[in-house]
Amino acid sequence: MTHILALDQGTTSTRAIVFDHSGRSVSSGQLEHRQIFPQAGWVEHDPLE
């Protein structure tokens, strides 16, 4: 059976969803990212996180 993995790299989290050959979601996961605000209006992420 073939599966497709979709990744969504957002501002606050990374999501992964696995779909089967019919397009149904069979698994998913999400990891939130800590946001760092070094100055007003700026946002950074730790690249090692």
Protein backbone atom coordinates (compact mmCIF):
# COMPACT_ATOMS: atom_id res chain seq x y z
CA MET A 1 0.00 0.00 0.00
CA THR A 2 1.30 3.45 -0.90
CA HIS A 3 1.07 6.34 1.54
CA ILE A 4 1.64 10.06 1.14
CA LEU A 5 3.23 12.18 3.87
CA ALA A 6 2.26 15.86 3.95
CA LEU A 7 4.31 18.32 6.01
CA ASP A 8 3.05 21.72 7.14
CA GLN A 9 5.80 23.98 8.47
CA GLY A 10 3.97 26.85 10.16
CA THR A 11 4.98 29.76 12.35
CA THR A 12 4.07 28.08 15.62
CA SER A 13 4.27 24.36 14.80
CA THR A 14 5.19 21.61 12.37
CA ARG A 15 2.51 19.09 11.38
CA ALA A 16 2.72 15.80 9.55
CA ILE A 17 -0.24 13.89 8.13
CA VAL A 18 -0.11 10.46 6.47
CA PHE A 19 -2.76 9.71 3.83
CA ASP A 20 -3.66 6.35 2.30
CA HIS A 21 -4.21 5.70 -1.42
CA SER A 22 -7.85 6.87 -1.07
CA GLY A 23 -6.85 10.23 0.41
CA ARG A 24 -7.97 9.34 3.93
CA SER A 25 -5.88 10.52 6.85
CA VAL A 26 -4.41 7.50 8.65
CA SER A 27 -2.05 9.23 11.08
CA SER A 28 -0.97 12.70 12.13
CA GLY A 29 1.28 14.49 14.55
CA GLN A 30 2.15 18.02 15.57
CA LEU A 31 5.07 19.64 17.39
CA GLU A 32 4.85 23.24 18.58
CA HIS A 33 7.85 25.55 18.29
CA ARG A 34 8.96 27.92 21.02
CA GLN A 35 8.93 31.47 19.71
CA ILE A 36 11.68 33.92 20.69
CA PHE A 37 10.96 37.67 20.52
CA PRO A 38 14.34 39.49 20.53
CA GLN A 39 12.73 42.85 19.68
CA ALA A 40 9.23 44.21 19.25
CA GLY A 41 7.86 42.96 15.92
CA TRP A 42 10.53 40.23 15.52
CA VAL A 43 10.13 36.50 16.01
CA GLU A 44 12.77 33.77 15.83
CA HIS A 45 12.90 30.01 16.27
CA ASP A 46 15.74 27.93 17.67
CA PRO A 47 17.09 25.96 14.67
CA LEU A 48 18.25 23.14 16.97
CA GLU A 49 14.82 22.68 18.55
